[in-house]
Amino acid sequence: MIIVKLIEWARKNMFFVKALSYTILVLLVVTDLFVPREHPHFIGDFIPGFWAVFGFTSCAMIIVVSKWLGKKFLFRPENYYEDENSEETNGYV
């Protein structure tokens, strides 16, 4: 019941929820700029905010490629299982 009330409150205060989410996101990115990097092993460790951008880009690419694969190979037309002669071929009347 608490979850239901929380969801209803979030729907009523959507502007506040979005503002809070964006604020947290900005604080995380800004915090990443000031994290000291000891013993960098990769060129991305030298660039401030690299891992935040890399993670977001990777996630976006996973979504785009998954949607493309789904549309190209997994989805079938709505009438894929329908056949004009389905009753005759199956022997059902």
PDB file of N, CA and C in Angstrom:
ATOM      1  N   MET A   1       0.812  -1.191   0.000  1.00  0.00           N
ATOM      2  CA  MET A   1       0.000   0.000   0.000  1.00  0.00           C
ATOM      3  C   MET A   1       0.859   1.261   0.000  1.00  0.00           C
ATOM      4  N   ILE A   2       2.012   1.201   0.634  1.00  0.00           N
ATOM      5  CA  ILE A   2       2.881   2.369   0.672  1.00  0.00           C
ATOM      6  C   ILE A   2       3.401   2.668  -0.732  1.00  0.00           C
ATOM      7  N   ILE A   3       3.710   1.619  -1.478  1.00  0.00           N
ATOM      8  CA  ILE A   3       4.217   1.807  -2.847  1.00  0.00           C
ATOM      9  C   ILE A   3       3.146   2.466  -3.712  1.00  0.00           C
ATOM     10  N   VAL A   4       1.904   2.035  -3.560  1.00  0.00           N
ATOM     11  CA  VAL A   4       0.810   2.609  -4.350  1.00  0.00           C
ATOM     12  C   VAL A   4       0.663   4.098  -4.033  1.00  0.00           C
ATOM     13  N   LYS A   5       0.720   4.445  -2.761  1.00  0.00           N
ATOM     14  CA  LYS A   5       0.623   5.856  -2.381  1.00  0.00           C
ATOM     15  C   LYS A   5       1.808   6.658  -2.912  1.00  0.00           C
ATOM     16  N   LEU A   6       2.994   6.055  -2.886  1.00  0.00           N
ATOM     17  CA  LEU A   6       4.182   6.726  -3.405  1.00  0.00           C
ATOM     18  C   LEU A   6       4.066   6.974  -4.911  1.00  0.00           C
ATOM     19  N   ILE A   7       3.568   5.990  -5.644  1.00  0.00           N
ATOM     20  CA  ILE A   7       3.389   6.151  -7.094  1.00  0.00           C
ATOM     21  C   ILE A   7       2.338   7.214  -7.392  1.00  0.00           C
ATOM     22  N   GLU A   8       1.253   7.214  -6.654  1.00  0.00           N
ATOM     23  CA  GLU A   8       0.221   8.241  -6.854  1.00  0.00           C
ATOM     24  C   GLU A   8       0.778   9.630  -6.567  1.00  0.00           C
ATOM     25  N   TRP A   9       1.580   9.767  -5.493  1.00  0.00           N
ATOM     26  CA  TRP A   9       2.184  11.051  -5.173  1.00  0.00           C
ATOM     27  C   TRP A   9       3.135  11.487  -6.283  1.00  0.00           C
ATOM     28  N   ALA A  10       3.924  10.548  -6.801  1.00  0.00           N
ATOM     29  CA  ALA A  10       4.877  10.879  -7.871  1.00  0.00           C
ATOM     30  C   ALA A  10       4.155  11.314  -9.134  1.00  0.00           C
ATOM     31  N   ARG A  11       3.029  10.698  -9.439  1.00  0.00           N
ATOM     32  CA  ARG A  11       2.259  11.092 -10.630  1.00  0.00           C
ATOM     33  C   ARG A  11       1.668  12.488 -10.464  1.00  0.00           C
ATOM     34  N   LYS A  12       1.238  12.819  -9.254  1.00  0.00           N
ATOM     35  CA  LYS A  12       0.663  14.144  -9.019  1.00  0.00           C
ATOM     36  C   LYS A  12       1.739  15.221  -9.029  1.00  0.00           C
ATOM     37  N   ASN A  13       2.952  14.893  -8.622  1.00  0.00           N
ATOM     38  CA  ASN A  13       4.050  15.860  -8.522  1.00  0.00           C
ATOM     39  C   ASN A  13       5.157  15.534  -9.525  1.00  0.00           C
ATOM     40  N   MET A  14       4.790  15.311 -10.767  1.00  0.00           N
ATOM     41  CA  MET A  14       5.746  14.892 -11.788  1.00  0.00           C
ATOM     42  C   MET A  14       6.847  15.929 -12.012  1.00  0.00           C
ATOM     43  N   PHE A  15       6.498  17.210 -11.960  1.00  0.00           N
ATOM     44  CA  PHE A  15       7.505  18.254 -12.159  1.00  0.00           C
ATOM     45  C   PHE A  15       8.582  18.164 -11.084  1.00  0.00           C
ATOM     46  N   PHE A  16       8.180  17.971  -9.835  1.00  0.00           N
ATOM     47  CA  PHE A  16       9.138  17.849  -8.732  1.00  0.00           C
ATOM     48  C   PHE A  16      10.012  16.613  -8.904  1.00  0.00           C
ATOM     49  N   VAL A  17       9.421  15.504  -9.310  1.00  0.00           N
ATOM     50  CA  VAL A  17      10.171  14.261  -9.488  1.00  0.00           C
ATOM     51  C   VAL A  17      11.217  14.430 -10.593  1.00  0.00           C
ATOM     52  N   LYS A  18      10.823  15.063 -11.714  1.00  0.00           N
ATOM     53  CA  LYS A  18      11.773  15.291 -12.805  1.00  0.00           C
ATOM     54  C   LYS A  18      12.885  16.236 -12.372  1.00  0.00           C
ATOM     55  N   ALA A  19      12.524  17.303 -11.675  1.00  0.00           N
ATOM     56  CA  ALA A  19      13.536  18.264 -11.218  1.00  0.00           C
ATOM     57  C   ALA A  19      14.519  17.585 -10.261  1.00  0.00           C
ATOM     58  N   LEU A  20      14.016  16.784  -9.350  1.00  0.00           N
ATOM     59  CA  LEU A  20      14.880  16.063  -8.418  1.00  0.00           C
ATOM     60  C   LEU A  20      15.791  15.089  -9.159  1.00  0.00           C
ATOM     61  N   SER A  21      15.267  14.378 -10.135  1.00  0.00           N
ATOM     62  CA  SER A  21      16.063  13.422 -10.907  1.00  0.00           C
ATOM     63  C   SER A  21      17.179  14.123 -11.671  1.00  0.00           C
ATOM     64  N   TYR A  22      16.846  15.234 -12.341  1.00  0.00           N
ATOM     65  CA  TYR A  22      17.861  15.969 -13.081  1.00  0.00           C
ATOM     66  C   TYR A  22      18.909  16.571 -12.149  1.00  0.00           C
ATOM     67  N   THR A  23      18.489  17.024 -10.990  1.00  0.00           N
ATOM     68  CA  THR A  23      19.430  17.582 -10.024  1.00  0.00           C
ATOM     69  C   THR A  23      20.413  16.513  -9.553  1.00  0.00           C
ATOM     70  N   ILE A  24      19.913  15.348  -9.239  1.00  0.00           N
ATOM     71  CA  ILE A  24      20.779  14.245  -8.811  1.00  0.00           C
ATOM     72  C   ILE A  24      21.740  13.862  -9.931  1.00  0.00           C
ATOM     73  N   LEU A  25      21.250  13.807 -11.173  1.00  0.00           N
ATOM     74  CA  LEU A  25      22.101  13.470 -12.307  1.00  0.00           C
ATOM     75  C   LEU A  25      23.223  14.487 -12.480  1.00  0.00           C
ATOM     76  N   VAL A  26      22.892  15.769 -12.397  1.00  0.00           N
ATOM     77  CA  VAL A  26      23.905  16.820 -12.539  1.00  0.00           C
ATOM     78  C   VAL A  26      24.917  16.741 -11.406  1.00  0.00           C
ATOM     79  N   LEU A  27      24.445  16.503 -10.187  1.00  0.00           N
ATOM     80  CA  LEU A  27      25.372  16.381  -9.060  1.00  0.00           C
ATOM     81  C   LEU A  27      26.317  15.191  -9.230  1.00  0.00           C
ATOM     82  N   LEU A  28      25.819  14.099  -9.754  1.00  0.00           N
ATOM     83  CA  LEU A  28      26.683  12.936  -9.985  1.00  0.00           C
ATOM     84  C   LEU A  28      27.754  13.233 -11.032  1.00  0.00           C
ATOM     85  N   VAL A  29      27.368  13.905 -12.117  1.00  0.00           N
ATOM     86  CA  VAL A  29      28.336  14.228 -13.163  1.00  0.00           C
ATOM     87  C   VAL A  29      29.361  15.232 -12.644  1.00  0.00           C
ATOM     88  N   VAL A  30      28.903  16.253 -11.912  1.00  0.00           N
ATOM     89  CA  VAL A  30      29.827  17.242 -11.361  1.00  0.00           C
ATOM     90  C   VAL A  30      30.761  16.594 -10.337  1.00  0.00           C
ATOM     91  N   THR A  31      30.234  15.708  -9.528  1.00  0.00           N
ATOM     92  CA  THR A  31      31.067  15.001  -8.554  1.00  0.00           C
ATOM     93  C   THR A  31      32.139  14.176  -9.265  1.00  0.00           C
ATOM     94  N   ASP A  32      31.776  13.578 -10.397  1.00  0.00           N
ATOM     95  CA  ASP A  32      32.737  12.788 -11.159  1.00  0.00           C
ATOM     96  C   ASP A  32      33.899  13.644 -11.654  1.00  0.00           C
ATOM     97  N   LEU A  33      33.651  14.924 -11.885  1.00  0.00           N
ATOM     98  CA  LEU A  33      34.711  15.806 -12.354  1.00  0.00           C
ATOM     99  C   LEU A  33      35.778  16.043 -11.283  1.00  0.00           C
ATOM    100  N   PHE A  34      35.401  15.937 -10.016  1.00  0.00           N
ATOM    101  CA  PHE A  34      36.316  16.257  -8.929  1.00  0.00           C
ATOM    102  C   PHE A  34      36.873  15.033  -8.199  1.00  0.00           C
ATOM    103  N   VAL A  35      36.545  13.844  -8.657  1.00  0.00           N
ATOM    104  CA  VAL A  35      37.063  12.636  -8.017  1.00  0.00           C
ATOM    105  C   VAL A  35      38.534  12.491  -8.397  1.00  0.00           C
ATOM    106  N   PRO A  36      39.413  12.386  -7.408  1.00  0.00           N
ATOM    107  CA  PRO A  36      40.832  12.243  -7.752  1.00  0.00           C
ATOM    108  C   PRO A  36      41.106  10.879  -8.381  1.00  0.00           C
ATOM    109  N   ARG A  37      41.937  10.902  -9.387  1.00  0.00           N
ATOM    110  CA  ARG A  37      42.270   9.660 -10.071  1.00  0.00           C
ATOM    111  C   ARG A  37      43.728   9.315  -9.771  1.00  0.00           C
ATOM    112  N   GLU A  38      43.890   8.274  -8.997  1.00  0.00           N
ATOM    113  CA  GLU A  38      45.228   7.818  -8.683  1.00  0.00           C
ATOM    114  C   GLU A  38      45.558   6.628  -9.572  1.00  0.00           C
ATOM    115  N   HIS A  39      46.714   6.616 -10.119  1.00  0.00           N
ATOM    116  CA  HIS A  39      47.189   5.545 -10.980  1.00  0.00           C
ATOM    117  C   HIS A  39      46.247   5.276 -12.155  1.00  0.00           C
ATOM    118  N   PRO A  40      46.032   6.250 -13.014  1.00  0.00           N
ATOM    119  CA  PRO A  40      45.167   5.995 -14.170  1.00  0.00           C
ATOM    120  C   PRO A  40      45.797   4.945 -15.087  1.00  0.00           C
ATOM    121  N   HIS A  41      44.980   4.001 -15.511  1.00  0.00           N
ATOM    122  CA  HIS A  41      45.465   2.913 -16.361  1.00  0.00           C
ATOM    123  C   HIS A  41      44.963   3.029 -17.793  1.00  0.00           C
ATOM    124  N   PHE A  42      44.035   3.909 -18.030  1.00  0.00           N
ATOM    125  CA  PHE A  42      43.408   4.030 -19.342  1.00  0.00           C
ATOM    126  C   PHE A  42      43.313   5.507 -19.679  1.00  0.00           C
ATOM    127  N   ILE A  43      43.340   5.832 -20.963  1.00  0.00           N
ATOM    128  CA  ILE A  43      43.302   7.239 -21.367  1.00  0.00           C
ATOM    129  C   ILE A  43      42.023   7.922 -20.873  1.00  0.00           C
ATOM    130  N   GLY A  44      40.944   7.163 -20.734  1.00  0.00           N
ATOM    131  CA  GLY A  44      39.696   7.728 -20.243  1.00  0.00           C
ATOM    132  C   GLY A  44      39.766   8.182 -18.801  1.00  0.00           C
ATOM    133  N   ASP A  45      40.713   7.647 -18.063  1.00  0.00           N
ATOM    134  CA  ASP A  45      40.882   8.053 -16.661  1.00  0.00           C
ATOM    135  C   ASP A  45      41.418   9.475 -16.540  1.00  0.00           C
ATOM    136  N   PHE A  46      42.052   9.968 -17.588  1.00  0.00           N
ATOM    137  CA  PHE A  46      42.584  11.333 -17.571  1.00  0.00           C
ATOM    138  C   PHE A  46      41.524  12.369 -17.921  1.00  0.00           C
ATOM    139  N   ILE A  47      40.467  11.955 -18.611  1.00  0.00           N
ATOM    140  CA  ILE A  47      39.443  12.882 -19.104  1.00  0.00           C
ATOM    141  C   ILE A  47      38.317  12.978 -18.079  1.00  0.00           C
ATOM    142  N   PRO A  48      38.043  14.175 -17.543  1.00  0.00           N
ATOM    143  CA  PRO A  48      36.961  14.312 -16.568  1.00  0.00           C
ATOM    144  C   PRO A  48      35.604  14.017 -17.203  1.00  0.00           C
ATOM    145  N   GLY A  49      34.813  13.223 -16.534  1.00  0.00           N
ATOM    146  CA  GLY A  49      33.467  12.900 -17.011  1.00  0.00           C
ATOM    147  C   GLY A  49      33.434  11.848 -18.101  1.00  0.00           C
ATOM    148  N   PHE A  50      34.567  11.265 -18.444  1.00  0.00           N
ATOM    149  CA  PHE A  50      34.609  10.286 -19.537  1.00  0.00           C
ATOM    150  C   PHE A  50      33.726   9.086 -19.250  1.00  0.00           C
ATOM    151  N   TRP A  51      33.814   8.551 -18.053  1.00  0.00           N
ATOM    152  CA  TRP A  51      33.075   7.325 -17.741  1.00  0.00           C
ATOM    153  C   TRP A  51      31.573   7.564 -17.682  1.00  0.00           C
ATOM    154  N   ALA A  52      31.152   8.758 -17.297  1.00  0.00           N
ATOM    155  CA  ALA A  52      29.722   9.075 -17.314  1.00  0.00           C
ATOM    156  C   ALA A  52      29.205   9.099 -18.748  1.00  0.00           C
ATOM    157  N   VAL A  53      29.956   9.758 -19.632  1.00  0.00           N
ATOM    158  CA  VAL A  53      29.552   9.828 -21.044  1.00  0.00           C
ATOM    159  C   VAL A  53      29.646   8.449 -21.688  1.00  0.00           C
ATOM    160  N   PHE A  54      30.702   7.717 -21.372  1.00  0.00           N
ATOM    161  CA  PHE A  54      30.877   6.375 -21.921  1.00  0.00           C
ATOM    162  C   PHE A  54      29.734   5.448 -21.508  1.00  0.00           C
ATOM    163  N   GLY A  55      29.360   5.486 -20.242  1.00  0.00           N
ATOM    164  CA  GLY A  55      28.264   4.640 -19.757  1.00  0.00           C
ATOM    165  C   GLY A  55      26.944   4.989 -20.402  1.00  0.00           C
ATOM    166  N   PHE A  56      26.651   6.301 -20.519  1.00  0.00           N
ATOM    167  CA  PHE A  56      25.400   6.714 -21.143  1.00  0.00           C
ATOM    168  C   PHE A  56      25.368   6.310 -22.614  1.00  0.00           C
ATOM    169  N   THR A  57      26.462   6.537 -23.322  1.00  0.00           N
ATOM    170  CA  THR A  57      26.527   6.184 -24.742  1.00  0.00           C
ATOM    171  C   THR A  57      26.391   4.681 -24.938  1.00  0.00           C
ATOM    172  N   SER A  58      27.059   3.909 -24.101  1.00  0.00           N
ATOM    173  CA  SER A  58      26.970   2.453 -24.205  1.00  0.00           C
ATOM    174  C   SER A  58      25.553   1.966 -23.974  1.00  0.00           C
ATOM    175  N   CYS A  59      24.898   2.514 -22.976  1.00  0.00           N
ATOM    176  CA  CYS A  59      23.520   2.128 -22.681  1.00  0.00           C
ATOM    177  C   CYS A  59      22.598   2.484 -23.843  1.00  0.00           C
ATOM    178  N   ALA A  60      22.769   3.679 -24.398  1.00  0.00           N
ATOM    179  CA  ALA A  60      21.952   4.100 -25.541  1.00  0.00           C
ATOM    180  C   ALA A  60      22.195   3.194 -26.746  1.00  0.00           C
ATOM    181  N   MET A  61      23.427   2.811 -26.977  1.00  0.00           N
ATOM    182  CA  MET A  61      23.734   1.924 -28.110  1.00  0.00           C
ATOM    183  C   MET A  61      23.140   0.532 -27.910  1.00  0.00           C
ATOM    184  N   ILE A  62      23.152   0.034 -26.683  1.00  0.00           N
ATOM    185  CA  ILE A  62      22.531  -1.265 -26.406  1.00  0.00           C
ATOM    186  C   ILE A  62      21.044  -1.210 -26.736  1.00  0.00           C
ATOM    187  N   ILE A  63      20.386  -0.124 -26.364  1.00  0.00           N
ATOM    188  CA  ILE A  63      18.956   0.020 -26.646  1.00  0.00           C
ATOM    189  C   ILE A  63      18.707   0.092 -28.144  1.00  0.00           C
ATOM    190  N   VAL A  64      19.485   0.907 -28.858  1.00  0.00           N
ATOM    191  CA  VAL A  64      19.287   1.074 -30.304  1.00  0.00           C
ATOM    192  C   VAL A  64      19.535  -0.247 -31.034  1.00  0.00           C
ATOM    193  N   VAL A  65      20.626  -0.921 -30.726  1.00  0.00           N
ATOM    194  CA  VAL A  65      20.945  -2.184 -31.400  1.00  0.00           C
ATOM    195  C   VAL A  65      19.913  -3.253 -31.060  1.00  0.00           C
ATOM    196  N   SER A  66      19.452  -3.311 -29.821  1.00  0.00           N
ATOM    197  CA  SER A  66      18.436  -4.301 -29.438  1.00  0.00           C
ATOM    198  C   SER A  66      17.130  -4.065 -30.179  1.00  0.00           C
ATOM    199  N   LYS A  67      16.722  -2.803 -30.314  1.00  0.00           N
ATOM    200  CA  LYS A  67      15.499  -2.507 -31.056  1.00  0.00           C
ATOM    201  C   LYS A  67      15.656  -2.893 -32.519  1.00  0.00           C
ATOM    202  N   TRP A  68      16.828  -2.596 -33.102  1.00  0.00           N
ATOM    203  CA  TRP A  68      17.062  -2.938 -34.503  1.00  0.00           C
ATOM    204  C   TRP A  68      17.025  -4.453 -34.704  1.00  0.00           C
ATOM    205  N   LEU A  69      17.695  -5.191 -33.802  1.00  0.00           N
ATOM    206  CA  LEU A  69      17.683  -6.648 -33.903  1.00  0.00           C
ATOM    207  C   LEU A  69      16.270  -7.201 -33.758  1.00  0.00           C
ATOM    208  N   GLY A  70      15.518  -6.644 -32.828  1.00  0.00           N
ATOM    209  CA  GLY A  70      14.152  -7.108 -32.624  1.00  0.00           C
ATOM    210  C   GLY A  70      13.291  -6.892 -33.848  1.00  0.00           C
ATOM    211  N   LYS A  71      13.401  -5.716 -34.456  1.00  0.00           N
ATOM    212  CA  LYS A  71      12.589  -5.429 -35.645  1.00  0.00           C
ATOM    213  C   LYS A  71      13.057  -6.231 -36.842  1.00  0.00           C
ATOM    214  N   LYS A  72      14.344  -6.488 -36.936  1.00  0.00           N
ATOM    215  CA  LYS A  72      14.894  -7.175 -38.101  1.00  0.00           C
ATOM    216  C   LYS A  72      14.672  -8.683 -38.036  1.00  0.00           C
ATOM    217  N   PHE A  73      14.809  -9.279 -36.858  1.00  0.00           N
ATOM    218  CA  PHE A  73      14.800 -10.733 -36.768  1.00  0.00           C
ATOM    219  C   PHE A  73      13.687 -11.337 -35.922  1.00  0.00           C
ATOM    220  N   LEU A  74      13.206 -10.625 -34.922  1.00  0.00           N
ATOM    221  CA  LEU A  74      12.273 -11.242 -33.984  1.00  0.00           C
ATOM    222  C   LEU A  74      10.812 -10.961 -34.282  1.00  0.00           C
ATOM    223  N   PHE A  75      10.485  -9.741 -34.641  1.00  0.00           N
ATOM    224  CA  PHE A  75       9.092  -9.382 -34.878  1.00  0.00           C
ATOM    225  C   PHE A  75       8.575 -10.056 -36.140  1.00  0.00           C
ATOM    226  N   ARG A  76       7.336 -10.451 -36.083  1.00  0.00           N
ATOM    227  CA  ARG A  76       6.662 -11.050 -37.232  1.00  0.00           C
ATOM    228  C   ARG A  76       5.430 -10.213 -37.553  1.00  0.00           C
ATOM    229  N   PRO A  77       4.958 -10.285 -38.790  1.00  0.00           N
ATOM    230  CA  PRO A  77       3.734  -9.547 -39.126  1.00  0.00           C
ATOM    231  C   PRO A  77       2.558 -10.039 -38.280  1.00  0.00           C
ATOM    232  N   GLU A  78       1.551  -9.183 -38.149  1.00  0.00           N
ATOM    233  CA  GLU A  78       0.392  -9.543 -37.327  1.00  0.00           C
ATOM    234  C   GLU A  78      -0.302 -10.794 -37.839  1.00  0.00           C
ATOM    235  N   ASN A  79      -0.299 -11.003 -39.131  1.00  0.00           N
ATOM    236  CA  ASN A  79      -0.994 -12.157 -39.704  1.00  0.00           C
ATOM    237  C   ASN A  79      -0.026 -13.305 -39.985  1.00  0.00           C
ATOM    238  N   TYR A  80       1.057 -13.409 -39.237  1.00  0.00           N
ATOM    239  CA  TYR A  80       2.086 -14.429 -39.471  1.00  0.00           C
ATOM    240  C   TYR A  80       1.528 -15.839 -39.328  1.00  0.00           C
ATOM    241  N   TYR A  81       0.693 -16.070 -38.344  1.00  0.00           N
ATOM    242  CA  TYR A  81       0.169 -17.409 -38.110  1.00  0.00           C
ATOM    243  C   TYR A  81      -1.146 -17.665 -38.831  1.00  0.00           C
ATOM    244  N   GLU A  82      -1.690 -16.650 -39.431  1.00  0.00           N
ATOM    245  CA  GLU A  82      -2.949 -16.824 -40.143  1.00  0.00           C
ATOM    246  C   GLU A  82      -2.661 -17.297 -41.560  1.00  0.00           C
ATOM    247  N   ASP A  83      -3.457 -18.236 -42.000  1.00  0.00           N
ATOM    248  CA  ASP A  83      -3.325 -18.744 -43.355  1.00  0.00           C
ATOM    249  C   ASP A  83      -4.717 -18.846 -43.935  1.00  0.00           C
ATOM    250  N   GLU A  84      -4.856 -18.536 -45.193  1.00  0.00           N
ATOM    251  CA  GLU A  84      -6.181 -18.585 -45.821  1.00  0.00           C
ATOM    252  C   GLU A  84      -6.760 -19.991 -45.773  1.00  0.00           C
ATOM    253  N   ASN A  85      -5.923 -20.975 -45.905  1.00  0.00           N
ATOM    254  CA  ASN A  85      -6.388 -22.364 -45.944  1.00  0.00           C
ATOM    255  C   ASN A  85      -6.087 -23.091 -44.638  1.00  0.00           C
ATOM    256  N   SER A  86      -6.016 -22.368 -43.544  1.00  0.00           N
ATOM    257  CA  SER A  86      -5.616 -23.008 -42.283  1.00  0.00           C
ATOM    258  C   SER A  86      -6.597 -24.083 -41.844  1.00  0.00           C
ATOM    259  N   GLU A  87      -7.884 -23.866 -42.065  1.00  0.00           N
ATOM    260  CA  GLU A  87      -8.870 -24.878 -41.667  1.00  0.00           C
ATOM    261  C   GLU A  87      -8.750 -26.126 -42.536  1.00  0.00           C
ATOM    262  N   GLU A  88      -8.480 -25.930 -43.787  1.00  0.00           N
ATOM    263  CA  GLU A  88      -8.374 -27.083 -44.699  1.00  0.00           C
ATOM    264  C   GLU A  88      -7.079 -27.858 -44.453  1.00  0.00           C
ATOM    265  N   THR A  89      -5.997 -27.147 -44.230  1.00  0.00           N
ATOM    266  CA  THR A  89      -4.713 -27.838 -44.066  1.00  0.00           C
ATOM    267  C   THR A  89      -4.613 -28.566 -42.738  1.00  0.00           C
ATOM    268  N   ASN A  90      -5.293 -28.065 -41.704  1.00  0.00           N
ATOM    269  CA  ASN A  90      -5.218 -28.709 -40.393  1.00  0.00           C
ATOM    270  C   ASN A  90      -6.241 -29.834 -40.235  1.00  0.00           C
ATOM    271  N   GLY A  91      -7.170 -29.916 -41.150  1.00  0.00           N
ATOM    272  CA  GLY A  91      -8.187 -30.946 -41.044  1.00  0.00           C
ATOM    273  C   GLY A  91      -9.302 -30.588 -40.103  1.00  0.00           C
ATOM    274  N   TYR A  92      -9.366 -29.345 -39.615  1.00  0.00           N
ATOM    275  CA  TYR A  92     -10.431 -28.909 -38.720  1.00  0.00           C
ATOM    276  C   TYR A  92     -11.537 -28.257 -39.527  1.00  0.00           C
ATOM    277  N   VAL A  93     -12.738 -28.506 -39.133  1.00  0.00           N
ATOM    278  CA  VAL A  93     -13.878 -27.897 -39.823  1.00  0.00           C
ATOM    279  C   VAL A  93     -14.455 -26.791 -39.004  1.00  0.00           C
TER     280      VAL A  93
END
